[in-house]
Amino acid sequence: MTKPYGGFGADDNGAPPPAPRWAPAPPPQWGPASTVPGAGAERRRRISPKLVAGVAGPVVALVALVAVLGLVWPGFLNRKVFDTAALQQGVLTVLRDDYQLDANNVACPTGQSVTVDNRFSCSAQVAGVSKTISVTVKSSDGRFEVGRPQ
């Protein structure tokens, strides 16, 4: 007689079912992992959530205030600087159009601040000779004055 659902127990030949090939899991271990006396006796102190909120809250507020003011208020974190390519083109235009010089290859330092009365020097080739040009910032909107080549 056959077992319709593959039941457990002896099969049709009377042989017992095969033994399982797995071993039962060991019982769970409780208590400290160390066997040294006093090793796990210290309890960790929990930090109070109120203390964390009391310290972290003002710190987060201060960081947010510095970030907002730093990005909104120019000169604090958001410093206005000249676009170097546009500055060089502007100096070249003044040398050619206003001073009527045969100038090319203007090179100005990068990161020049757009601050009134800021002075810096650029270099250029004027009639094939390397010259230094003094540049002075005249307004906070980026207008500048180009001196005669030296």
Protein backbone atom coordinates (compact mmCIF):
# COMPACT_ATOMS: atom_id res chain seq x y z
CA MET A 1 0.00 0.00 0.00
CA THR A 2 1.29 3.43 -0.91
CA LYS A 3 0.95 6.55 1.14
CA PRO A 4 -0.80 9.20 -0.94
CA TYR A 5 1.03 12.17 0.60
CA GLY A 6 4.46 10.65 1.12
CA GLY A 7 3.91 10.16 4.84
CA PHE A 8 6.65 9.55 7.39
CA GLY A 9 7.58 6.23 8.85
CA ALA A 10 8.52 2.96 7.26
CA ASP A 11 8.16 2.73 3.49
CA ASP A 12 6.43 -0.11 1.64
CA ASN A 13 9.45 -2.36 2.09
CA GLY A 14 9.46 -1.88 5.88
CA ALA A 15 12.75 0.10 5.95
CA PRO A 16 12.92 3.02 8.41
CA PRO A 17 13.34 6.55 6.97
CA PRO A 18 16.91 7.85 6.65
CA ALA A 19 18.33 9.80 9.61
CA PRO A 20 18.56 13.60 9.19
CA ARG A 21 21.98 14.90 8.15
CA TRP A 22 21.91 18.00 10.30
CA ALA A 23 22.68 18.50 13.94
CA PRO A 24 20.47 20.51 16.26
CA ALA A 25 21.66 24.05 17.10
CA PRO A 26 23.46 24.48 20.42
CA PRO A 27 21.45 26.10 23.20
CA PRO A 28 21.73 29.92 23.40
CA GLN A 29 24.45 31.33 25.66
CA TRP A 30 23.36 33.85 28.28
CA GLY A 31 25.48 36.13 30.42
CA PRO A 32 28.83 37.83 29.84
CA ALA A 33 31.09 36.44 27.13
CA SER A 34 34.19 36.77 29.29
CA THR A 35 35.01 34.37 32.09
CA VAL A 36 37.34 36.89 33.79
CA PRO A 37 35.73 38.08 37.04
CA GLY A 38 34.63 41.73 36.91
CA ALA A 39 35.25 42.14 33.15
CA GLY A 40 31.62 42.89 32.27
CA ALA A 41 30.57 44.29 35.61
CA GLU A 42 30.64 47.96 34.50
CA ARG A 43 27.37 49.22 33.05
CA ARG A 44 27.48 51.67 30.21
CA ARG A 45 25.97 54.98 31.10
CA ARG A 46 23.22 56.11 28.76
CA ILE A 47 23.23 59.67 27.51
CA SER A 48 20.01 61.42 28.24
CA PRO A 49 18.02 62.43 25.13
CA LYS A 50 17.29 65.77 26.80
CA LEU A 51 21.02 66.40 27.17
CA VAL A 52 21.62 65.56 23.52
CA ALA A 53 18.80 67.88 22.43
CA GLY A 54 20.04 70.62 24.78
CA VAL A 55 23.53 70.54 23.29
CA ALA A 56 22.80 69.64 19.65
CA GLY A 57 19.91 72.07 19.21
CA PRO A 58 21.91 75.28 19.71
CA VAL A 59 24.85 73.89 17.71
CA VAL A 60 22.60 73.11 14.73
CA ALA A 61 20.96 76.54 15.01
CA LEU A 62 24.36 78.26 15.05
CA VAL A 63 25.61 76.32 12.02
CA ALA A 64 22.40 77.15 10.12
CA LEU A 65 22.72 80.84 11.02
CA VAL A 66 26.34 81.00 9.84
CA ALA A 67 25.48 79.19 6.59
CA VAL A 68 22.50 81.44 5.80
CA LEU A 69 24.31 84.68 6.62
CA GLY A 70 27.50 83.50 4.94
CA LEU A 71 25.79 82.76 1.66
CA VAL A 72 23.41 85.73 1.65
CA TRP A 73 25.75 88.45 2.90
CA PRO A 74 28.43 88.99 0.19
CA GLY A 75 31.95 89.15 1.44
CA PHE A 76 31.42 86.79 4.36
CA LEU A 77 31.46 83.42 2.61
CA ASN A 78 30.24 84.46 -0.82
CA ARG A 79 33.08 86.65 -2.07
CA LYS A 80 32.60 88.38 -5.43
CA VAL A 81 35.55 87.81 -7.77
CA PHE A 82 36.23 88.76 -11.36
CA ASP A 83 35.79 86.25 -14.16
CA THR A 84 39.42 86.05 -15.28
CA ALA A 85 38.67 85.59 -18.99
CA ALA A 86 36.25 88.53 -19.03
CA LEU A 87 38.72 90.69 -17.08
CA GLN A 88 41.53 89.93 -19.51
CA GLN A 89 39.29 90.70 -22.47
CA GLY A 90 38.23 94.00 -20.86
CA VAL A 91 41.85 95.04 -20.25
CA LEU A 92 42.75 94.12 -23.85
CA THR A 93 39.82 96.15 -25.17
CA VAL A 94 40.91 99.24 -23.19
CA LEU A 95 44.53 98.89 -24.37
CA ARG A 96 43.49 98.57 -28.03
CA ASP A 97 40.52 100.96 -28.22
CA ASP A 98 41.28 103.66 -25.64
CA TYR A 99 45.09 103.72 -25.66
CA GLN A 100 45.35 102.75 -29.37
CA LEU A 101 48.12 100.20 -28.62
CA ASP A 102 49.05 97.04 -30.50
CA ALA A 103 48.39 94.76 -27.50
CA ASN A 104 47.69 91.05 -27.10
CA ASN A 105 48.26 88.11 -24.70
CA VAL A 106 46.83 89.79 -21.60
CA ALA A 107 47.26 87.71 -18.42
CA CYS A 108 45.62 88.69 -15.13
CA PRO A 109 45.77 86.82 -11.80
CA THR A 110 42.78 84.62 -10.96
CA GLY A 111 40.44 85.20 -8.01
CA GLN A 112 40.72 89.00 -7.89
CA SER A 113 38.15 90.41 -5.49
CA VAL A 114 35.52 92.88 -6.71
CA THR A 115 36.21 95.36 -3.91
CA VAL A 116 36.38 99.11 -4.41
CA ASP A 117 40.01 100.38 -4.59
CA ASN A 118 41.42 96.85 -4.96
CA ARG A 119 44.60 97.13 -7.09
CA PHE A 120 46.37 94.38 -8.99
CA SER A 121 48.64 94.00 -11.99
CA CYS A 122 48.16 92.24 -15.30
CA SER A 123 50.77 91.58 -17.96
CA ALA A 124 50.45 91.99 -21.72
CA GLN A 125 52.47 92.05 -24.90
CA VAL A 126 52.47 95.62 -26.26
CA ALA A 127 54.18 95.97 -29.65
CA GLY A 128 55.97 92.69 -28.93
CA VAL A 129 57.36 93.83 -25.55
CA SER A 130 56.11 92.47 -22.21
CA LYS A 131 54.49 95.23 -20.14
CA THR A 132 52.80 95.46 -16.72
CA ILE A 133 49.36 97.04 -16.52
CA SER A 134 47.90 98.35 -13.25
CA VAL A 135 44.19 97.66 -12.74
CA THR A 136 42.08 99.41 -10.04
CA VAL A 137 38.53 98.37 -9.13
CA LYS A 138 36.25 101.43 -9.17
CA SER A 139 32.85 100.03 -8.11
CA SER A 140 31.30 96.99 -6.43
CA ASP A 141 29.51 96.10 -9.68
CA GLY A 142 32.83 95.32 -11.39
CA ARG A 143 33.87 98.52 -13.15
CA PHE A 144 37.63 98.92 -13.27
CA GLU A 145 40.28 101.38 -14.45
CA VAL A 146 43.20 100.28 -16.60
CA GLY A 147 46.47 102.18 -16.20
CA ARG A 148 48.98 102.86 -18.95
CA PRO A 149 51.40 99.97 -19.54
CA GLN A 150 54.71 100.28 -17.71
